[in-house]
Amino acid sequence: MDGSCRKIWRRRKSFRSSTDLVMNPTSPTPALPSSSEGRLRNFLSYARSLLFTDLLIYLYTAVCGTFSICGSFFDAHGRWQHGCARTWSWLILKTSRVHLSVEGLENVDPHQTVIFCSNHPSAMDIPILFVSLPVQFRFLAKRVLFHVPFLGWHLRRSGHIPVDRGRPREALKGFDQAAKRIKEGRPVVVFPEGSRSRTSEMLPFKSGTFYLAILSGVPLVPITLIGSREVLEPDSLHIRPGRVRVVIHKPMSTDGLTVHDANDLSKRVREVIVSGLDEERKS
């Protein structure tokens, strides 16, 4: 085959290959650049969150909050309100396509009053804990949340405890209320960091939680939340689907401790929570 024939044969082969890409849908096609594909997926995910997921969450909050408030006039023990909160949380996680993996449920004694201490990387942590913990509890929450329509009304009627950490006297009142709930036999959930971390690192722990545990004489149960920040970053409306691990660690006794041991107790609880994060990073 001379040179001119080879050129003609190559052109025909190239033409047939190009035609196959158009006519045969099963033929391999050039992939979009990964950066362009990633930007498109992120845009579609953000649009879905703003136009669908976030709007439904507002609707769930209004409906479940209304049912909770109405039921609170007939249920003084808070079972109805807690059930509404769990339903609200389940709907949020289901709509957001957030899947939970809960480990250490054997460390939760439904007949024991404890203080649950969790890291706080995301606003999604509240519904995650409502769904994960199989006991009725109360949150020690920022006072600003109590001013949010429906959500705040539910928090007040359900007996959750507002804390204003910026004003020490108000914060002490909040801890007094928490101590009262604990003496009534009601578990309490606290975020010792005080607010959500804006980075992947935990914030320093506030000492009030540990004074409360020591004075109340109840065990502390550390909880590590892994993956909730990837689902919903702080100060963002972009909710992404994902998997969150909830690791419930063994209870830590406060028997024999005094208020002078609060800092040491804080350090030990923090180490346990961090150990769950370190284990995830190594795997």
Protein backbone atom coordinates (compact mmCIF):
# COMPACT_ATOMS: atom_id res chain seq x y z
CA MET A 1 0.00 0.00 0.00
CA ASP A 2 1.58 3.31 -1.12
CA GLY A 3 1.58 6.55 0.91
CA SER A 4 -1.52 8.11 -0.71
CA CYS A 5 -3.61 4.96 -0.05
CA ARG A 6 -2.56 4.90 3.59
CA LYS A 7 -3.70 8.53 4.04
CA ILE A 8 -7.12 7.78 2.50
CA TRP A 9 -7.57 4.69 4.71
CA ARG A 10 -6.68 6.68 7.86
CA ARG A 11 -9.20 9.41 6.96
CA ARG A 12 -11.96 6.83 6.48
CA LYS A 13 -11.12 5.15 9.79
CA SER A 14 -11.19 8.51 11.57
CA PHE A 15 -14.55 9.36 9.93
CA ARG A 16 -16.08 5.99 10.99
CA SER A 17 -14.88 6.48 14.59
CA SER A 18 -16.44 9.95 14.73
CA THR A 19 -19.68 8.66 13.26
CA ASP A 20 -19.84 5.87 15.86
CA LEU A 21 -19.72 8.43 18.66
CA VAL A 22 -22.81 10.14 17.25
CA MET A 23 -24.82 7.14 16.03
CA ASN A 24 -23.99 4.62 18.77
CA PRO A 25 -25.08 5.85 22.25
CA THR A 26 -23.15 3.07 23.95
CA SER A 27 -19.86 4.21 22.52
CA PRO A 28 -17.50 5.87 25.00
CA THR A 29 -17.69 9.66 24.97
CA PRO A 30 -15.15 12.16 26.18
CA ALA A 31 -15.79 13.01 29.85
CA LEU A 32 -16.22 16.59 30.99
CA PRO A 33 -13.26 18.02 32.86
CA SER A 34 -13.52 17.06 36.50
CA SER A 35 -13.51 20.70 37.64
CA SER A 36 -16.43 21.62 35.36
CA GLU A 37 -18.34 18.52 36.36
CA GLY A 38 -17.73 19.25 40.04
CA ARG A 39 -18.92 22.84 39.70
CA LEU A 40 -22.09 21.68 37.93
CA ARG A 41 -22.87 19.11 40.58
CA ASN A 42 -22.26 21.65 43.34
CA PHE A 43 -24.56 24.17 41.63
CA LEU A 44 -27.35 21.62 41.22
CA SER A 45 -26.94 20.49 44.83
CA TYR A 46 -27.08 24.09 46.06
CA ALA A 47 -30.16 24.82 43.94
CA ARG A 48 -31.93 21.72 45.29
CA SER A 49 -31.11 22.78 48.83
CA LEU A 50 -32.41 26.34 48.41
CA LEU A 51 -35.51 25.55 46.37
CA PHE A 52 -36.55 22.25 47.93
CA THR A 53 -34.83 21.06 51.12
CA ASP A 54 -34.63 24.39 52.99
CA LEU A 55 -38.23 25.30 52.17
CA LEU A 56 -39.48 21.94 53.42
CA ILE A 57 -37.50 22.34 56.64
CA TYR A 58 -39.25 25.67 57.27
CA LEU A 59 -42.57 23.93 56.63
CA TYR A 60 -41.71 21.05 58.97
CA THR A 61 -40.70 23.55 61.66
CA ALA A 62 -44.00 25.44 61.40
CA VAL A 63 -46.20 22.34 61.34
CA CYS A 64 -44.39 20.30 64.01
CA GLY A 65 -43.91 23.39 66.17
CA THR A 66 -47.65 24.11 66.04
CA PHE A 67 -48.56 20.53 66.95
CA SER A 68 -46.01 20.58 69.78
CA ILE A 69 -47.36 23.83 71.23
CA CYS A 70 -50.98 22.65 71.05
CA GLY A 71 -50.13 19.30 72.64
CA SER A 72 -48.18 20.95 75.44
CA PHE A 73 -51.45 22.14 77.01
CA PHE A 74 -52.49 18.51 77.53
CA ASP A 75 -49.13 16.83 78.32
CA ALA A 76 -47.25 18.17 81.32
CA HIS A 77 -44.51 15.53 81.07
CA GLY A 78 -43.24 16.58 77.64
CA ARG A 79 -43.67 13.21 75.91
CA TRP A 80 -45.84 14.72 73.17
CA GLN A 81 -43.43 17.60 72.56
CA HIS A 82 -40.44 15.27 72.42
CA GLY A 83 -42.31 13.06 69.95
CA CYS A 84 -42.98 16.10 67.75
CA ALA A 85 -39.29 17.05 67.92
CA ARG A 86 -38.24 13.53 66.90
CA THR A 87 -40.71 13.58 63.99
CA TRP A 88 -39.42 17.01 62.91
CA SER A 89 -35.85 15.73 63.07
CA TRP A 90 -36.62 12.51 61.17
CA LEU A 91 -38.32 14.50 58.37
CA ILE A 92 -35.33 16.85 58.10
CA LEU A 93 -32.80 14.01 57.87
CA LYS A 94 -34.95 12.06 55.41
CA THR A 95 -35.49 15.08 53.14
CA SER A 96 -31.81 16.04 53.36
CA ARG A 97 -30.78 12.45 52.54
CA VAL A 98 -28.67 12.25 55.68
CA HIS A 99 -28.05 8.67 56.80
CA LEU A 100 -27.12 7.95 60.42
CA SER A 101 -24.87 5.27 61.82
CA VAL A 102 -25.27 5.15 65.61
CA GLU A 103 -22.70 3.28 67.71
CA GLY A 104 -22.68 2.70 71.46
CA LEU A 105 -26.41 2.62 72.21
CA GLU A 106 -25.60 0.08 74.93
CA ASN A 107 -24.02 3.00 76.82
CA VAL A 108 -27.41 4.73 77.15
CA ASP A 109 -29.38 3.63 80.20
CA PRO A 110 -32.99 4.82 79.82
CA HIS A 111 -33.42 4.69 83.61
CA GLN A 112 -30.34 6.77 84.45
CA THR A 113 -30.13 10.55 84.55
CA VAL A 114 -27.02 11.76 82.73
CA ILE A 115 -25.58 14.77 80.93
CA PHE A 116 -24.77 14.07 77.28
CA CYS A 117 -21.77 16.11 76.04
CA SER A 118 -21.34 16.40 72.28
CA ASN A 119 -19.08 18.25 69.88
CA HIS A 120 -20.95 20.79 67.76
CA PRO A 121 -19.72 21.09 64.15
CA SER A 122 -23.09 21.83 62.49
CA ALA A 123 -26.64 23.12 62.92
CA MET A 124 -27.71 19.64 61.80
CA ASP A 125 -26.46 18.26 65.14
CA ILE A 126 -29.76 18.98 66.91
CA PRO A 127 -31.99 16.83 64.66
CA ILE A 128 -29.23 14.20 64.55
CA LEU A 129 -29.24 13.86 68.35
CA PHE A 130 -33.04 13.86 68.57
CA VAL A 131 -33.15 10.87 66.22
CA SER A 132 -30.11 9.07 67.66
CA LEU A 133 -30.78 9.15 71.42
CA PRO A 134 -33.56 6.77 72.55
CA VAL A 135 -34.42 8.78 75.68
CA GLN A 136 -36.39 11.92 76.41
CA PHE A 137 -34.00 14.78 77.16
CA ARG A 138 -33.73 18.56 77.25
CA PHE A 139 -31.25 20.79 75.45
CA LEU A 140 -29.16 23.50 77.01
CA ALA A 141 -29.38 25.88 74.04
CA LYS A 142 -28.47 29.42 73.04
CA ARG A 143 -31.07 31.96 74.10
CA VAL A 144 -31.25 33.35 70.55
CA LEU A 145 -32.89 30.10 69.37
CA PHE A 146 -35.79 30.76 71.71
CA HIS A 147 -36.70 33.84 69.65
CA VAL A 148 -37.08 31.90 66.38
CA PRO A 149 -40.79 31.55 65.45
CA PHE A 150 -42.25 28.06 66.04
CA LEU A 151 -38.86 26.58 66.97
CA GLY A 152 -38.41 28.94 69.91
CA TRP A 153 -42.03 28.53 70.98
CA HIS A 154 -41.58 24.77 70.98
CA LEU A 155 -38.34 25.02 72.97
CA ARG A 156 -40.00 27.10 75.68
CA ARG A 157 -43.12 24.96 75.97
CA SER A 158 -41.03 21.76 76.01
CA GLY A 159 -38.84 22.80 78.90
CA HIS A 160 -35.57 23.23 77.04
CA ILE A 161 -33.18 25.56 78.81
CA PRO A 162 -31.95 28.91 77.41
CA VAL A 163 -28.39 29.95 78.18
CA ASP A 164 -26.86 33.35 77.49
CA ARG A 165 -23.13 32.68 77.77
CA GLY A 166 -22.34 36.31 76.99
CA ARG A 167 -23.90 37.38 80.28
CA PRO A 168 -22.59 35.40 83.27
CA ARG A 169 -25.57 36.06 85.53
CA GLU A 170 -28.04 34.89 82.90
CA ALA A 171 -25.86 31.88 82.21
CA LEU A 172 -25.97 30.92 85.89
CA LYS A 173 -29.77 31.05 85.80
CA GLY A 174 -29.69 28.67 82.86
CA PHE A 175 -27.49 26.24 84.74
CA ASP A 176 -29.81 26.48 87.76
CA GLN A 177 -32.71 25.48 85.51
CA ALA A 178 -30.64 22.62 84.10
CA ALA A 179 -29.85 21.40 87.62
CA LYS A 180 -33.57 21.46 88.39
CA ARG A 181 -34.33 19.34 85.30
CA ILE A 182 -31.60 16.90 86.29
CA LYS A 183 -32.99 16.58 89.82
CA GLU A 184 -36.36 15.80 88.24
CA GLY A 185 -34.67 12.85 86.53
CA ARG A 186 -34.45 14.39 83.06
CA PRO A 187 -31.27 13.88 80.99
CA VAL A 188 -29.75 17.03 79.49
CA VAL A 189 -27.79 17.46 76.26
CA VAL A 190 -25.09 20.15 76.18
CA PHE A 191 -22.52 21.38 73.67
CA PRO A 192 -19.51 22.26 75.87
CA GLU A 193 -17.96 24.34 73.06
CA GLY A 194 -20.79 26.83 73.50
CA SER A 195 -21.26 27.39 69.77
CA ARG A 196 -20.52 25.74 66.45
CA SER A 197 -16.92 25.50 65.36
CA ARG A 198 -16.19 27.31 62.07
CA THR A 199 -13.25 24.99 61.37
CA SER A 200 -12.63 21.26 61.54
CA GLU A 201 -11.11 21.72 65.01
CA MET A 202 -13.18 21.77 68.19
CA LEU A 203 -13.44 24.98 70.18
CA PRO A 204 -12.27 25.14 73.81
CA PHE A 205 -14.78 23.68 76.27
CA LYS A 206 -16.69 25.96 78.63
CA SER A 207 -16.38 25.01 82.29
CA GLY A 208 -20.04 25.48 83.25
CA THR A 209 -21.10 22.10 81.90
CA PHE A 210 -18.68 20.29 84.18
CA TYR A 211 -19.53 22.31 87.28
CA LEU A 212 -23.15 21.37 86.58
CA ALA A 213 -22.32 17.66 86.31
CA ILE A 214 -20.24 17.64 89.51
CA LEU A 215 -22.80 19.59 91.56
CA SER A 216 -25.61 17.38 90.26
CA GLY A 217 -23.63 14.21 90.89
CA VAL A 218 -24.64 12.58 87.59
CA PRO A 219 -22.45 10.82 84.99
CA LEU A 220 -21.30 12.48 81.78
CA VAL A 221 -21.76 10.62 78.49
CA PRO A 222 -19.43 11.96 75.72
CA ILE A 223 -20.75 11.84 72.15
CA THR A 224 -18.68 12.25 68.99
CA LEU A 225 -20.48 13.48 65.87
CA ILE A 226 -18.57 12.67 62.68
CA GLY A 227 -19.58 14.01 59.27
CA SER A 228 -22.28 16.51 60.19
CA ARG A 229 -20.12 19.47 59.12
CA GLU A 230 -19.82 17.96 55.62
CA VAL A 231 -23.63 17.75 55.49
CA LEU A 232 -24.20 21.36 56.59
CA GLU A 233 -21.35 23.79 57.14
CA PRO A 234 -21.78 26.62 59.67
CA ASP A 235 -23.43 29.80 58.31
CA SER A 236 -24.57 27.98 55.16
CA LEU A 237 -27.95 27.05 53.64
CA HIS A 238 -26.39 24.39 51.42
CA ILE A 239 -27.45 21.01 52.78
CA ARG A 240 -25.65 18.09 51.16
CA PRO A 241 -26.59 14.41 51.36
CA GLY A 242 -24.19 12.27 53.33
CA ARG A 243 -23.57 9.82 56.14
CA VAL A 244 -23.07 10.85 59.77
CA ARG A 245 -21.57 8.65 62.48
CA VAL A 246 -22.79 9.11 66.04
CA VAL A 247 -20.44 7.50 68.57
CA ILE A 248 -21.83 7.29 72.11
CA HIS A 249 -19.00 6.66 74.54
CA LYS A 250 -19.12 5.01 77.97
CA PRO A 251 -20.44 7.12 80.88
CA MET A 252 -17.87 8.93 83.01
CA SER A 253 -18.67 9.05 86.72
CA THR A 254 -18.51 12.26 88.75
CA ASP A 255 -18.63 10.48 92.12
CA GLY A 256 -16.20 11.95 94.61
CA LEU A 257 -15.33 14.97 92.45
CA THR A 258 -15.45 18.57 93.64
CA VAL A 259 -15.73 21.80 91.69
CA HIS A 260 -11.94 22.00 91.79
CA ASP A 261 -11.89 18.93 89.50
CA ALA A 262 -14.02 20.60 86.79
CA ASN A 263 -11.10 21.51 84.53
CA ASP A 264 -9.62 18.03 84.73
CA LEU A 265 -13.02 16.50 83.99
CA SER A 266 -13.40 18.84 81.01
CA LYS A 267 -10.02 17.72 79.67
CA ARG A 268 -10.88 14.02 80.02
CA VAL A 269 -14.25 14.39 78.29
CA ARG A 270 -12.65 16.35 75.47
CA GLU A 271 -10.01 13.66 74.98
CA VAL A 272 -12.71 10.99 74.65
CA ILE A 273 -14.65 13.01 72.05
CA VAL A 274 -11.47 13.79 70.10
CA SER A 275 -10.53 10.10 70.13
CA GLY A 276 -13.61 9.38 68.04
CA LEU A 277 -12.57 12.00 65.49
CA ASP A 278 -8.99 10.72 65.39
CA GLU A 279 -10.18 7.16 64.84
CA GLU A 280 -12.23 8.32 61.85
CA ARG A 281 -9.27 10.18 60.33
CA LYS A 282 -7.04 7.12 60.61
CA SER A 283 -9.56 4.80 58.94
